[in-house]
Amino acid sequence: MSTKNVDWYYRRSGCNTCKKMDAFLEEHSIVPKETLSANKTRLDPEAALDLAKKVNKIIAARGKSVVEFKTKDADQALLEKHLVGPTGKLRSPVIRKGKTLYIGFNEEALEGLVTRG
């Protein structure tokens, strides 16, 4: 099985959703080029919005709900709704691959990580 890469992975230790993401990445031989600990580096809403400006598309999962939208069509309120969690910081887990940002965990939504290699 070939190794696939993602550009950036933001995760928090002790986070059950992050553990699911870790298992998914391992199962599909996906290796982050850079991993950032949400425990050590907490990104505020401004940093989250800066991150969104670097991508074209956001796929955000919360529970069984998945929302996909283009960043050029999104206003600040929509971005913050999907990027910022109850702590007022960037939600975790977050993966950036190319110009797409994956927020939260939903296996079907993450299919693009597997199929695009």
PDB file of N, CA and C in Angstrom:
ATOM      1  N   MET A   1       0.844  -1.182   0.000  1.00  0.00           N
ATOM      2  CA  MET A   1       0.000   0.000   0.000  1.00  0.00           C
ATOM      3  C   MET A   1       0.885   1.239   0.000  1.00  0.00           C
ATOM      4  N   SER A   2       0.582   2.182  -0.870  1.00  0.00           N
ATOM      5  CA  SER A   2       1.406   3.387  -0.939  1.00  0.00           C
ATOM      6  C   SER A   2       1.012   4.368   0.160  1.00  0.00           C
ATOM      7  N   THR A   3       1.976   5.191   0.526  1.00  0.00           N
ATOM      8  CA  THR A   3       1.742   6.197   1.549  1.00  0.00           C
ATOM      9  C   THR A   3       1.165   7.445   0.901  1.00  0.00           C
ATOM     10  N   LYS A   4       0.149   8.006   1.537  1.00  0.00           N
ATOM     11  CA  LYS A   4      -0.451   9.246   1.071  1.00  0.00           C
ATOM     12  C   LYS A   4      -0.085  10.325   2.075  1.00  0.00           C
ATOM     13  N   ASN A   5      -0.094  11.563   1.652  1.00  0.00           N
ATOM     14  CA  ASN A   5       0.267  12.654   2.542  1.00  0.00           C
ATOM     15  C   ASN A   5      -0.872  13.661   2.664  1.00  0.00           C
ATOM     16  N   VAL A   6      -0.917  14.311   3.813  1.00  0.00           N
ATOM     17  CA  VAL A   6      -1.725  15.506   3.994  1.00  0.00           C
ATOM     18  C   VAL A   6      -0.739  16.581   4.416  1.00  0.00           C
ATOM     19  N   ASP A   7      -1.068  17.826   4.132  1.00  0.00           N
ATOM     20  CA  ASP A   7      -0.127  18.916   4.389  1.00  0.00           C
ATOM     21  C   ASP A   7      -0.012  19.268   5.864  1.00  0.00           C
ATOM     22  N   TRP A   8      -1.145  19.217   6.576  1.00  0.00           N
ATOM     23  CA  TRP A   8      -1.157  19.742   7.932  1.00  0.00           C
ATOM     24  C   TRP A   8      -2.239  19.037   8.738  1.00  0.00           C
ATOM     25  N   TYR A   9      -1.921  18.698   9.974  1.00  0.00           N
ATOM     26  CA  TYR A   9      -2.865  18.004  10.856  1.00  0.00           C
ATOM     27  C   TYR A   9      -2.825  18.672  12.218  1.00  0.00           C
ATOM     28  N   TYR A  10      -3.981  19.125  12.670  1.00  0.00           N
ATOM     29  CA  TYR A  10      -4.128  19.804  13.957  1.00  0.00           C
ATOM     30  C   TYR A  10      -4.961  18.902  14.849  1.00  0.00           C
ATOM     31  N   ARG A  11      -4.371  18.442  15.944  1.00  0.00           N
ATOM     32  CA  ARG A  11      -5.065  17.477  16.809  1.00  0.00           C
ATOM     33  C   ARG A  11      -4.812  17.793  18.273  1.00  0.00           C
ATOM     34  N   ARG A  12      -5.715  17.280  19.106  1.00  0.00           N
ATOM     35  CA  ARG A  12      -5.597  17.476  20.543  1.00  0.00           C
ATOM     36  C   ARG A  12      -5.545  16.113  21.212  1.00  0.00           C
ATOM     37  N   SER A  13      -4.541  15.897  22.069  1.00  0.00           N
ATOM     38  CA  SER A  13      -4.478  14.627  22.787  1.00  0.00           C
ATOM     39  C   SER A  13      -5.619  14.589  23.791  1.00  0.00           C
ATOM     40  N   GLY A  14      -6.188  13.423  23.991  1.00  0.00           N
ATOM     41  CA  GLY A  14      -7.317  13.269  24.886  1.00  0.00           C
ATOM     42  C   GLY A  14      -8.657  13.502  24.196  1.00  0.00           C
ATOM     43  N   CYS A  15      -8.628  13.850  22.942  1.00  0.00           N
ATOM     44  CA  CYS A  15      -9.840  14.127  22.158  1.00  0.00           C
ATOM     45  C   CYS A  15     -10.282  12.831  21.470  1.00  0.00           C
ATOM     46  N   ASN A  16     -11.500  12.383  21.755  1.00  0.00           N
ATOM     47  CA  ASN A  16     -11.986  11.136  21.155  1.00  0.00           C
ATOM     48  C   ASN A  16     -12.118  11.235  19.639  1.00  0.00           C
ATOM     49  N   THR A  17     -12.551  12.386  19.154  1.00  0.00           N
ATOM     50  CA  THR A  17     -12.672  12.573  17.706  1.00  0.00           C
ATOM     51  C   THR A  17     -11.294  12.538  17.051  1.00  0.00           C
ATOM     52  N   CYS A  18     -10.297  13.111  17.733  1.00  0.00           N
ATOM     53  CA  CYS A  18      -8.928  13.086  17.203  1.00  0.00           C
ATOM     54  C   CYS A  18      -8.391  11.658  17.172  1.00  0.00           C
ATOM     55  N   LYS A  19      -8.765  10.850  18.148  1.00  0.00           N
ATOM     56  CA  LYS A  19      -8.349   9.440  18.161  1.00  0.00           C
ATOM     57  C   LYS A  19      -8.942   8.702  16.967  1.00  0.00           C
ATOM     58  N   LYS A  20     -10.195   9.013  16.617  1.00  0.00           N
ATOM     59  CA  LYS A  20     -10.813   8.409  15.430  1.00  0.00           C
ATOM     60  C   LYS A  20     -10.060   8.826  14.173  1.00  0.00           C
ATOM     61  N   MET A  21      -9.673  10.105  14.118  1.00  0.00           N
ATOM     62  CA  MET A  21      -8.924  10.600  12.961  1.00  0.00           C
ATOM     63  C   MET A  21      -7.563   9.907  12.884  1.00  0.00           C
ATOM     64  N   ASP A  22      -6.891   9.771  14.028  1.00  0.00           N
ATOM     65  CA  ASP A  22      -5.595   9.078  14.055  1.00  0.00           C
ATOM     66  C   ASP A  22      -5.726   7.669  13.476  1.00  0.00           C
ATOM     67  N   ALA A  23      -6.762   6.950  13.917  1.00  0.00           N
ATOM     68  CA  ALA A  23      -6.977   5.576  13.450  1.00  0.00           C
ATOM     69  C   ALA A  23      -7.268   5.557  11.951  1.00  0.00           C
ATOM     70  N   PHE A  24      -8.056   6.505  11.470  1.00  0.00           N
ATOM     71  CA  PHE A  24      -8.375   6.599  10.041  1.00  0.00           C
ATOM     72  C   PHE A  24      -7.111   6.828   9.230  1.00  0.00           C
ATOM     73  N   LEU A  25      -6.286   7.784   9.669  1.00  0.00           N
ATOM     74  CA  LEU A  25      -5.046   8.090   8.952  1.00  0.00           C
ATOM     75  C   LEU A  25      -4.134   6.871   8.904  1.00  0.00           C
ATOM     76  N   GLU A  26      -4.012   6.186  10.040  1.00  0.00           N
ATOM     77  CA  GLU A  26      -3.149   5.001  10.086  1.00  0.00           C
ATOM     78  C   GLU A  26      -3.686   3.893   9.196  1.00  0.00           C
ATOM     79  N   GLU A  27      -4.980   3.655   9.254  1.00  0.00           N
ATOM     80  CA  GLU A  27      -5.598   2.595   8.458  1.00  0.00           C
ATOM     81  C   GLU A  27      -5.396   2.810   6.959  1.00  0.00           C
ATOM     82  N   HIS A  28      -5.387   4.065   6.545  1.00  0.00           N
ATOM     83  CA  HIS A  28      -5.262   4.383   5.122  1.00  0.00           C
ATOM     84  C   HIS A  28      -3.846   4.822   4.728  1.00  0.00           C
ATOM     85  N   SER A  29      -2.888   4.621   5.617  1.00  0.00           N
ATOM     86  CA  SER A  29      -1.480   4.962   5.367  1.00  0.00           C
ATOM     87  C   SER A  29      -1.316   6.417   4.938  1.00  0.00           C
ATOM     88  N   ILE A  30      -2.024   7.306   5.625  1.00  0.00           N
ATOM     89  CA  ILE A  30      -1.944   8.733   5.343  1.00  0.00           C
ATOM     90  C   ILE A  30      -1.026   9.358   6.385  1.00  0.00           C
ATOM     91  N   VAL A  31      -0.013  10.073   5.913  1.00  0.00           N
ATOM     92  CA  VAL A  31       0.995  10.650   6.796  1.00  0.00           C
ATOM     93  C   VAL A  31       0.965  12.172   6.695  1.00  0.00           C
ATOM     94  N   PRO A  32       0.754  12.856   7.816  1.00  0.00           N
ATOM     95  CA  PRO A  32       0.808  14.329   7.783  1.00  0.00           C
ATOM     96  C   PRO A  32       2.247  14.820   7.602  1.00  0.00           C
ATOM     97  N   LYS A  33       2.427  15.822   6.745  1.00  0.00           N
ATOM     98  CA  LYS A  33       3.753  16.432   6.594  1.00  0.00           C
ATOM     99  C   LYS A  33       4.088  17.243   7.839  1.00  0.00           C
ATOM    100  N   GLU A  34       3.061  17.833   8.466  1.00  0.00           N
ATOM    101  CA  GLU A  34       3.250  18.612   9.684  1.00  0.00           C
ATOM    102  C   GLU A  34       2.074  18.343  10.624  1.00  0.00           C
ATOM    103  N   THR A  35       2.375  18.097  11.890  1.00  0.00           N
ATOM    104  CA  THR A  35       1.337  17.903  12.904  1.00  0.00           C
ATOM    105  C   THR A  35       1.506  18.963  13.979  1.00  0.00           C
ATOM    106  N   LEU A  36       0.395  19.596  14.329  1.00  0.00           N
ATOM    107  CA  LEU A  36       0.416  20.642  15.345  1.00  0.00           C
ATOM    108  C   LEU A  36      -0.494  20.214  16.491  1.00  0.00           C
ATOM    109  N   SER A  37       0.012  20.283  17.707  1.00  0.00           N
ATOM    110  CA  SER A  37      -0.756  19.911  18.888  1.00  0.00           C
ATOM    111  C   SER A  37      -1.657  21.056  19.323  1.00  0.00           C
ATOM    112  N   ALA A  38      -2.946  20.788  19.392  1.00  0.00           N
ATOM    113  CA  ALA A  38      -3.900  21.794  19.858  1.00  0.00           C
ATOM    114  C   ALA A  38      -3.730  22.042  21.352  1.00  0.00           C
ATOM    115  N   ASN A  39      -3.105  21.095  22.056  1.00  0.00           N
ATOM    116  CA  ASN A  39      -2.848  21.286  23.484  1.00  0.00           C
ATOM    117  C   ASN A  39      -1.775  22.344  23.705  1.00  0.00           C
ATOM    118  N   LYS A  40      -0.806  22.391  22.796  1.00  0.00           N
ATOM    119  CA  LYS A  40       0.322  23.323  22.950  1.00  0.00           C
ATOM    120  C   LYS A  40       0.101  24.629  22.195  1.00  0.00           C
ATOM    121  N   THR A  41      -0.541  24.553  21.038  1.00  0.00           N
ATOM    122  CA  THR A  41      -0.763  25.722  20.198  1.00  0.00           C
ATOM    123  C   THR A  41      -2.259  25.883  19.969  1.00  0.00           C
ATOM    124  N   ARG A  42      -2.858  26.782  20.711  1.00  0.00           N
ATOM    125  CA  ARG A  42      -4.294  27.021  20.594  1.00  0.00           C
ATOM    126  C   ARG A  42      -4.517  28.177  19.624  1.00  0.00           C
ATOM    127  N   LEU A  43      -5.197  27.875  18.532  1.00  0.00           N
ATOM    128  CA  LEU A  43      -5.421  28.883  17.496  1.00  0.00           C
ATOM    129  C   LEU A  43      -6.742  29.606  17.731  1.00  0.00           C
ATOM    130  N   ASP A  44      -6.666  30.938  17.860  1.00  0.00           N
ATOM    131  CA  ASP A  44      -7.852  31.749  18.122  1.00  0.00           C
ATOM    132  C   ASP A  44      -8.657  31.939  16.829  1.00  0.00           C
ATOM    133  N   PRO A  45      -9.839  32.564  16.933  1.00  0.00           N
ATOM    134  CA  PRO A  45     -10.665  32.734  15.728  1.00  0.00           C
ATOM    135  C   PRO A  45      -9.956  33.464  14.589  1.00  0.00           C
ATOM    136  N   GLU A  46      -9.133  34.446  14.910  1.00  0.00           N
ATOM    137  CA  GLU A  46      -8.410  35.165  13.859  1.00  0.00           C
ATOM    138  C   GLU A  46      -7.455  34.231  13.111  1.00  0.00           C
ATOM    139  N   ALA A  47      -6.739  33.384  13.844  1.00  0.00           N
ATOM    140  CA  ALA A  47      -5.832  32.412  13.215  1.00  0.00           C
ATOM    141  C   ALA A  47      -6.627  31.392  12.405  1.00  0.00           C
ATOM    142  N   ALA A  48      -7.796  31.004  12.902  1.00  0.00           N
ATOM    143  CA  ALA A  48      -8.648  30.058  12.177  1.00  0.00           C
ATOM    144  C   ALA A  48      -9.113  30.663  10.855  1.00  0.00           C
ATOM    145  N   LEU A  49      -9.488  31.935  10.884  1.00  0.00           N
ATOM    146  CA  LEU A  49      -9.914  32.608   9.660  1.00  0.00           C
ATOM    147  C   LEU A  49      -8.751  32.762   8.678  1.00  0.00           C
ATOM    148  N   ASP A  50      -7.550  33.018   9.191  1.00  0.00           N
ATOM    149  CA  ASP A  50      -6.361  33.092   8.333  1.00  0.00           C
ATOM    150  C   ASP A  50      -6.126  31.746   7.642  1.00  0.00           C
ATOM    151  N   LEU A  51      -6.324  30.663   8.380  1.00  0.00           N
ATOM    152  CA  LEU A  51      -6.177  29.320   7.820  1.00  0.00           C
ATOM    153  C   LEU A  51      -7.193  29.100   6.698  1.00  0.00           C
ATOM    154  N   ALA A  52      -8.422  29.555   6.912  1.00  0.00           N
ATOM    155  CA  ALA A  52      -9.473  29.399   5.907  1.00  0.00           C
ATOM    156  C   ALA A  52      -9.156  30.171   4.630  1.00  0.00           C
ATOM    157  N   LYS A  53      -8.441  31.284   4.753  1.00  0.00           N
ATOM    158  CA  LYS A  53      -8.091  32.095   3.579  1.00  0.00           C
ATOM    159  C   LYS A  53      -7.099  31.371   2.666  1.00  0.00           C
ATOM    160  N   LYS A  54      -6.419  30.349   3.191  1.00  0.00           N
ATOM    161  CA  LYS A  54      -5.408  29.625   2.413  1.00  0.00           C
ATOM    162  C   LYS A  54      -5.995  28.458   1.626  1.00  0.00           C
ATOM    163  N   VAL A  55      -7.294  28.201   1.788  1.00  0.00           N
ATOM    164  CA  VAL A  55      -7.924  27.082   1.102  1.00  0.00           C
ATOM    165  C   VAL A  55      -9.090  27.570   0.247  1.00  0.00           C
ATOM    166  N   ASN A  56      -9.532  26.704  -0.660  1.00  0.00           N
ATOM    167  CA  ASN A  56     -10.667  27.030  -1.524  1.00  0.00           C
ATOM    168  C   ASN A  56     -11.964  26.404  -1.026  1.00  0.00           C
ATOM    169  N   LYS A  57     -11.824  25.265  -0.306  1.00  0.00           N
ATOM    170  CA  LYS A  57     -13.006  24.514   0.103  1.00  0.00           C
ATOM    171  C   LYS A  57     -12.854  24.051   1.536  1.00  0.00           C
ATOM    172  N   ILE A  58     -13.976  24.049   2.261  1.00  0.00           N
ATOM    173  CA  ILE A  58     -14.007  23.536   3.633  1.00  0.00           C
ATOM    174  C   ILE A  58     -15.059  22.446   3.703  1.00  0.00           C
ATOM    175  N   ILE A  59     -14.683  21.318   4.297  1.00  0.00           N
ATOM    176  CA  ILE A  59     -15.609  20.230   4.579  1.00  0.00           C
ATOM    177  C   ILE A  59     -15.615  20.084   6.097  1.00  0.00           C
ATOM    178  N   ALA A  60     -16.739  20.428   6.705  1.00  0.00           N
ATOM    179  CA  ALA A  60     -16.831  20.433   8.165  1.00  0.00           C
ATOM    180  C   ALA A  60     -17.839  19.402   8.638  1.00  0.00           C
ATOM    181  N   ALA A  61     -17.396  18.555   9.562  1.00  0.00           N
ATOM    182  CA  ALA A  61     -18.261  17.532  10.136  1.00  0.00           C
ATOM    183  C   ALA A  61     -18.492  17.836  11.609  1.00  0.00           C
ATOM    184  N   ARG A  62     -19.739  17.673  12.019  1.00  0.00           N
ATOM    185  CA  ARG A  62     -20.101  17.828  13.432  1.00  0.00           C
ATOM    186  C   ARG A  62     -21.149  16.756  13.675  1.00  0.00           C
ATOM    187  N   GLY A  63     -20.734  15.703  14.387  1.00  0.00           N
ATOM    188  CA  GLY A  63     -21.637  14.562  14.544  1.00  0.00           C
ATOM    189  C   GLY A  63     -21.832  13.903  13.193  1.00  0.00           C
ATOM    190  N   LYS A  64     -23.083  13.633  12.834  1.00  0.00           N
ATOM    191  CA  LYS A  64     -23.362  13.012  11.534  1.00  0.00           C
ATOM    192  C   LYS A  64     -23.585  14.047  10.443  1.00  0.00           C
ATOM    193  N   SER A  65     -23.610  15.311  10.828  1.00  0.00           N
ATOM    194  CA  SER A  65     -23.828  16.392   9.873  1.00  0.00           C
ATOM    195  C   SER A  65     -22.518  16.787   9.198  1.00  0.00           C
ATOM    196  N   VAL A  66     -22.557  16.909   7.875  1.00  0.00           N
ATOM    197  CA  VAL A  66     -21.384  17.345   7.109  1.00  0.00           C
ATOM    198  C   VAL A  66     -21.809  18.506   6.209  1.00  0.00           C
ATOM    199  N   VAL A  67     -21.035  19.579   6.260  1.00  0.00           N
ATOM    200  CA  VAL A  67     -21.297  20.755   5.442  1.00  0.00           C
ATOM    201  C   VAL A  67     -20.065  20.992   4.580  1.00  0.00           C
ATOM    202  N   GLU A  68     -20.291  21.254   3.307  1.00  0.00           N
ATOM    203  CA  GLU A  68     -19.188  21.540   2.389  1.00  0.00           C
ATOM    204  C   GLU A  68     -19.482  22.863   1.693  1.00  0.00           C
ATOM    205  N   PHE A  69     -18.497  23.751   1.683  1.00  0.00           N
ATOM    206  CA  PHE A  69     -18.695  25.029   1.022  1.00  0.00           C
ATOM    207  C   PHE A  69     -17.367  25.591   0.535  1.00  0.00           C
ATOM    208  N   LYS A  70     -17.469  26.491  -0.439  1.00  0.00           N
ATOM    209  CA  LYS A  70     -16.287  27.180  -0.966  1.00  0.00           C
ATOM    210  C   LYS A  70     -16.041  28.407  -0.104  1.00  0.00           C
ATOM    211  N   THR A  71     -14.791  28.656   0.233  1.00  0.00           N
ATOM    212  CA  THR A  71     -14.475  29.772   1.117  1.00  0.00           C
ATOM    213  C   THR A  71     -14.806  31.122   0.477  1.00  0.00           C
ATOM    214  N   LYS A  72     -14.726  31.216  -0.836  1.00  0.00           N
ATOM    215  CA  LYS A  72     -15.037  32.492  -1.498  1.00  0.00           C
ATOM    216  C   LYS A  72     -16.506  32.858  -1.340  1.00  0.00           C
ATOM    217  N   ASP A  73     -17.360  31.861  -1.090  1.00  0.00           N
ATOM    218  CA  ASP A  73     -18.794  32.100  -0.920  1.00  0.00           C
ATOM    219  C   ASP A  73     -19.195  32.284   0.539  1.00  0.00           C
ATOM    220  N   ALA A  74     -18.229  32.167   1.457  1.00  0.00           N
ATOM    221  CA  ALA A  74     -18.543  32.176   2.885  1.00  0.00           C
ATOM    222  C   ALA A  74     -18.220  33.519   3.531  1.00  0.00           C
ATOM    223  N   ASP A  75     -19.126  33.961   4.400  1.00  0.00           N
ATOM    224  CA  ASP A  75     -18.825  35.165   5.166  1.00  0.00           C
ATOM    225  C   ASP A  75     -18.160  34.752   6.495  1.00  0.00           C
ATOM    226  N   GLN A  76     -17.734  35.722   7.253  1.00  0.00           N
ATOM    227  CA  GLN A  76     -16.998  35.450   8.489  1.00  0.00           C
ATOM    228  C   GLN A  76     -17.839  34.644   9.485  1.00  0.00           C
ATOM    229  N   ALA A  77     -19.126  34.924   9.573  1.00  0.00           N
ATOM    230  CA  ALA A  77     -19.995  34.214  10.516  1.00  0.00           C
ATOM    231  C   ALA A  77     -20.073  32.725  10.179  1.00  0.00           C
ATOM    232  N   LEU A  78     -20.207  32.408   8.892  1.00  0.00           N
ATOM    233  CA  LEU A  78     -20.268  31.001   8.473  1.00  0.00           C
ATOM    234  C   LEU A  78     -18.943  30.297   8.773  1.00  0.00           C
ATOM    235  N   LEU A  79     -17.844  30.961   8.451  1.00  0.00           N
ATOM    236  CA  LEU A  79     -16.535  30.366   8.709  1.00  0.00           C
ATOM    237  C   LEU A  79     -16.348  30.098  10.201  1.00  0.00           C
ATOM    238  N   GLU A  80     -16.637  31.098  11.034  1.00  0.00           N
ATOM    239  CA  GLU A  80     -16.459  30.920  12.478  1.00  0.00           C
ATOM    240  C   GLU A  80     -17.365  29.825  13.023  1.00  0.00           C
ATOM    241  N   LYS A  81     -18.566  29.719  12.493  1.00  0.00           N
ATOM    242  CA  LYS A  81     -19.502  28.680  12.947  1.00  0.00           C
ATOM    243  C   LYS A  81     -18.897  27.289  12.802  1.00  0.00           C
ATOM    244  N   HIS A  82     -18.167  27.071  11.720  1.00  0.00           N
ATOM    245  CA  HIS A  82     -17.620  25.743  11.447  1.00  0.00           C
ATOM    246  C   HIS A  82     -16.175  25.562  11.897  1.00  0.00           C
ATOM    247  N   LEU A  83     -15.442  26.656  12.057  1.00  0.00           N
ATOM    248  CA  LEU A  83     -14.031  26.573  12.436  1.00  0.00           C
ATOM    249  C   LEU A  83     -13.795  26.644  13.943  1.00  0.00           C
ATOM    250  N   VAL A  84     -14.607  27.419  14.625  1.00  0.00           N
ATOM    251  CA  VAL A  84     -14.361  27.709  16.044  1.00  0.00           C
ATOM    252  C   VAL A  84     -15.269  26.858  16.920  1.00  0.00           C
ATOM    253  N   GLY A  85     -14.649  26.221  17.925  1.00  0.00           N
ATOM    254  CA  GLY A  85     -15.395  25.363  18.828  1.00  0.00           C
ATOM    255  C   GLY A  85     -15.899  26.095  20.055  1.00  0.00           C
ATOM    256  N   PRO A  86     -16.462  25.360  21.013  1.00  0.00           N
ATOM    257  CA  PRO A  86     -17.036  25.967  22.215  1.00  0.00           C
ATOM    258  C   PRO A  86     -16.004  26.661  23.106  1.00  0.00           C
ATOM    259  N   THR A  87     -14.738  26.344  22.945  1.00  0.00           N
ATOM    260  CA  THR A  87     -13.688  26.987  23.738  1.00  0.00           C
ATOM    261  C   THR A  87     -13.290  28.340  23.160  1.00  0.00           C
ATOM    262  N   GLY A  88     -13.813  28.656  21.962  1.00  0.00           N
ATOM    263  CA  GLY A  88     -13.432  29.901  21.306  1.00  0.00           C
ATOM    264  C   GLY A  88     -12.152  29.765  20.496  1.00  0.00           C
ATOM    265  N   LYS A  89     -11.666  28.554  20.342  1.00  0.00           N
ATOM    266  CA  LYS A  89     -10.446  28.275  19.571  1.00  0.00           C
ATOM    267  C   LYS A  89     -10.792  27.379  18.383  1.00  0.00           C
ATOM    268  N   LEU A  90      -9.819  27.186  17.483  1.00  0.00           N
ATOM    269  CA  LEU A  90     -10.006  26.312  16.328  1.00  0.00           C
ATOM    270  C   LEU A  90     -10.394  24.912  16.795  1.00  0.00           C
ATOM    271  N   ARG A  91     -11.436  24.369  16.180  1.00  0.00           N
ATOM    272  CA  ARG A  91     -11.867  23.000  16.503  1.00  0.00           C
ATOM    273  C   ARG A  91     -10.781  22.012  16.099  1.00  0.00           C
ATOM    274  N   SER A  92     -10.818  20.857  16.711  1.00  0.00           N
ATOM    275  CA  SER A  92      -9.910  19.790  16.302  1.00  0.00           C
ATOM    276  C   SER A  92     -10.724  18.502  16.206  1.00  0.00           C
ATOM    277  N   PRO A  93     -10.320  17.600  15.327  1.00  0.00           N
ATOM    278  CA  PRO A  93      -9.159  17.632  14.446  1.00  0.00           C
ATOM    279  C   PRO A  93      -9.428  18.442  13.171  1.00  0.00           C
ATOM    280  N   VAL A  94      -8.331  18.915  12.592  1.00  0.00           N
ATOM    281  CA  VAL A  94      -8.378  19.633  11.318  1.00  0.00           C
ATOM    282  C   VAL A  94      -7.256  19.102  10.443  1.00  0.00           C
ATOM    283  N   ILE A  95      -7.585  18.860   9.187  1.00  0.00           N
ATOM    284  CA  ILE A  95      -6.575  18.428   8.212  1.00  0.00           C
ATOM    285  C   ILE A  95      -6.641  19.370   7.023  1.00  0.00           C
ATOM    286  N   ARG A  96      -5.466  19.759   6.531  1.00  0.00           N
ATOM    287  CA  ARG A  96      -5.392  20.519   5.283  1.00  0.00           C
ATOM    288  C   ARG A  96      -4.659  19.672   4.271  1.00  0.00           C
ATOM    289  N   LYS A  97      -5.308  19.466   3.155  1.00  0.00           N
ATOM    290  CA  LYS A  97      -4.679  18.765   2.033  1.00  0.00           C
ATOM    291  C   LYS A  97      -4.897  19.635   0.813  1.00  0.00           C
ATOM    292  N   GLY A  98      -3.797  20.152   0.308  1.00  0.00           N
ATOM    293  CA  GLY A  98      -3.908  21.048  -0.845  1.00  0.00           C
ATOM    294  C   GLY A  98      -4.731  22.266  -0.475  1.00  0.00           C
ATOM    295  N   LYS A  99      -5.772  22.513  -1.223  1.00  0.00           N
ATOM    296  CA  LYS A  99      -6.626  23.684  -1.002  1.00  0.00           C
ATOM    297  C   LYS A  99      -7.948  23.321  -0.314  1.00  0.00           C
ATOM    298  N   THR A 100      -7.963  22.161   0.380  1.00  0.00           N
ATOM    299  CA  THR A 100      -9.165  21.722   1.097  1.00  0.00           C
ATOM    300  C   THR A 100      -8.862  21.565   2.574  1.00  0.00           C
ATOM    301  N   LEU A 101      -9.787  22.043   3.406  1.00  0.00           N
ATOM    302  CA  LEU A 101      -9.674  21.932   4.848  1.00  0.00           C
ATOM    303  C   LEU A 101     -10.774  20.999   5.335  1.00  0.00           C
ATOM    304  N   TYR A 102     -10.389  19.953   6.047  1.00  0.00           N
ATOM    305  CA  TYR A 102     -11.327  18.997   6.633  1.00  0.00           C
ATOM    306  C   TYR A 102     -11.378  19.275   8.130  1.00  0.00           C
ATOM    307  N   ILE A 103     -12.572  19.552   8.662  1.00  0.00           N
ATOM    308  CA  ILE A 103     -12.731  19.872  10.072  1.00  0.00           C
ATOM    309  C   ILE A 103     -13.643  18.831  10.700  1.00  0.00           C
ATOM    310  N   GLY A 104     -13.226  18.296  11.853  1.00  0.00           N
ATOM    311  CA  GLY A 104     -14.016  17.268  12.510  1.00  0.00           C
ATOM    312  C   GLY A 104     -13.747  15.917  11.877  1.00  0.00           C
ATOM    313  N   PHE A 105     -14.567  14.928  12.232  1.00  0.00           N
ATOM    314  CA  PHE A 105     -14.354  13.594  11.689  1.00  0.00           C
ATOM    315  C   PHE A 105     -15.660  13.012  11.181  1.00  0.00           C
ATOM    316  N   ASN A 106     -15.659  12.627   9.924  1.00  0.00           N
ATOM    317  CA  ASN A 106     -16.735  11.877   9.302  1.00  0.00           C
ATOM    318  C   ASN A 106     -16.058  11.061   8.207  1.00  0.00           C
ATOM    319  N   GLU A 107     -16.115   9.745   8.359  1.00  0.00           N
ATOM    320  CA  GLU A 107     -15.363   8.873   7.453  1.00  0.00           C
ATOM    321  C   GLU A 107     -15.729   9.089   5.989  1.00  0.00           C
ATOM    322  N   GLU A 108     -17.017   9.249   5.692  1.00  0.00           N
ATOM    323  CA  GLU A 108     -17.422   9.468   4.299  1.00  0.00           C
ATOM    324  C   GLU A 108     -16.879  10.790   3.764  1.00  0.00           C
ATOM    325  N   ALA A 109     -16.898  11.816   4.593  1.00  0.00           N
ATOM    326  CA  ALA A 109     -16.395  13.124   4.168  1.00  0.00           C
ATOM    327  C   ALA A 109     -14.894  13.083   3.905  1.00  0.00           C
ATOM    328  N   LEU A 110     -14.198  12.192   4.591  1.00  0.00           N
ATOM    329  CA  LEU A 110     -12.745  12.088   4.435  1.00  0.00           C
ATOM    330  C   LEU A 110     -12.330  11.211   3.255  1.00  0.00           C
ATOM    331  N   GLU A 111     -13.296  10.712   2.527  1.00  0.00           N
ATOM    332  CA  GLU A 111     -12.991   9.833   1.400  1.00  0.00           C
ATOM    333  C   GLU A 111     -12.056  10.504   0.396  1.00  0.00           C
ATOM    334  N   GLY A 112     -12.125  11.821   0.262  1.00  0.00           N
ATOM    335  CA  GLY A 112     -11.247  12.553  -0.648  1.00  0.00           C
ATOM    336  C   GLY A 112      -9.786  12.412  -0.297  1.00  0.00           C
ATOM    337  N   LEU A 113      -9.492  12.225   0.988  1.00  0.00           N
ATOM    338  CA  LEU A 113      -8.093  12.020   1.394  1.00  0.00           C
ATOM    339  C   LEU A 113      -7.573  10.708   0.847  1.00  0.00           C
ATOM    340  N   VAL A 114      -8.447   9.712   0.800  1.00  0.00           N
ATOM    341  CA  VAL A 114      -8.038   8.376   0.364  1.00  0.00           C
ATOM    342  C   VAL A 114      -7.981   8.297  -1.156  1.00  0.00           C
ATOM    343  N   THR A 115      -9.006   8.840  -1.823  1.00  0.00           N
ATOM    344  CA  THR A 115      -9.088   8.686  -3.272  1.00  0.00           C
ATOM    345  C   THR A 115      -8.159   9.606  -4.034  1.00  0.00           C
ATOM    346  N   ARG A 116      -7.825  10.756  -3.436  1.00  0.00           N
ATOM    347  CA  ARG A 116      -6.951  11.695  -4.148  1.00  0.00           C
ATOM    348  C   ARG A 116      -5.477  11.443  -3.879  1.00  0.00           C
ATOM    349  N   GLY A 117      -5.207  10.571  -2.907  1.00  0.00           N
ATOM    350  CA  GLY A 117      -3.819  10.184  -2.670  1.00  0.00           C
ATOM    351  C   GLY A 117      -2.887  11.187  -2.181  1.00  0.00           C
TER     352      GLY A 117
END
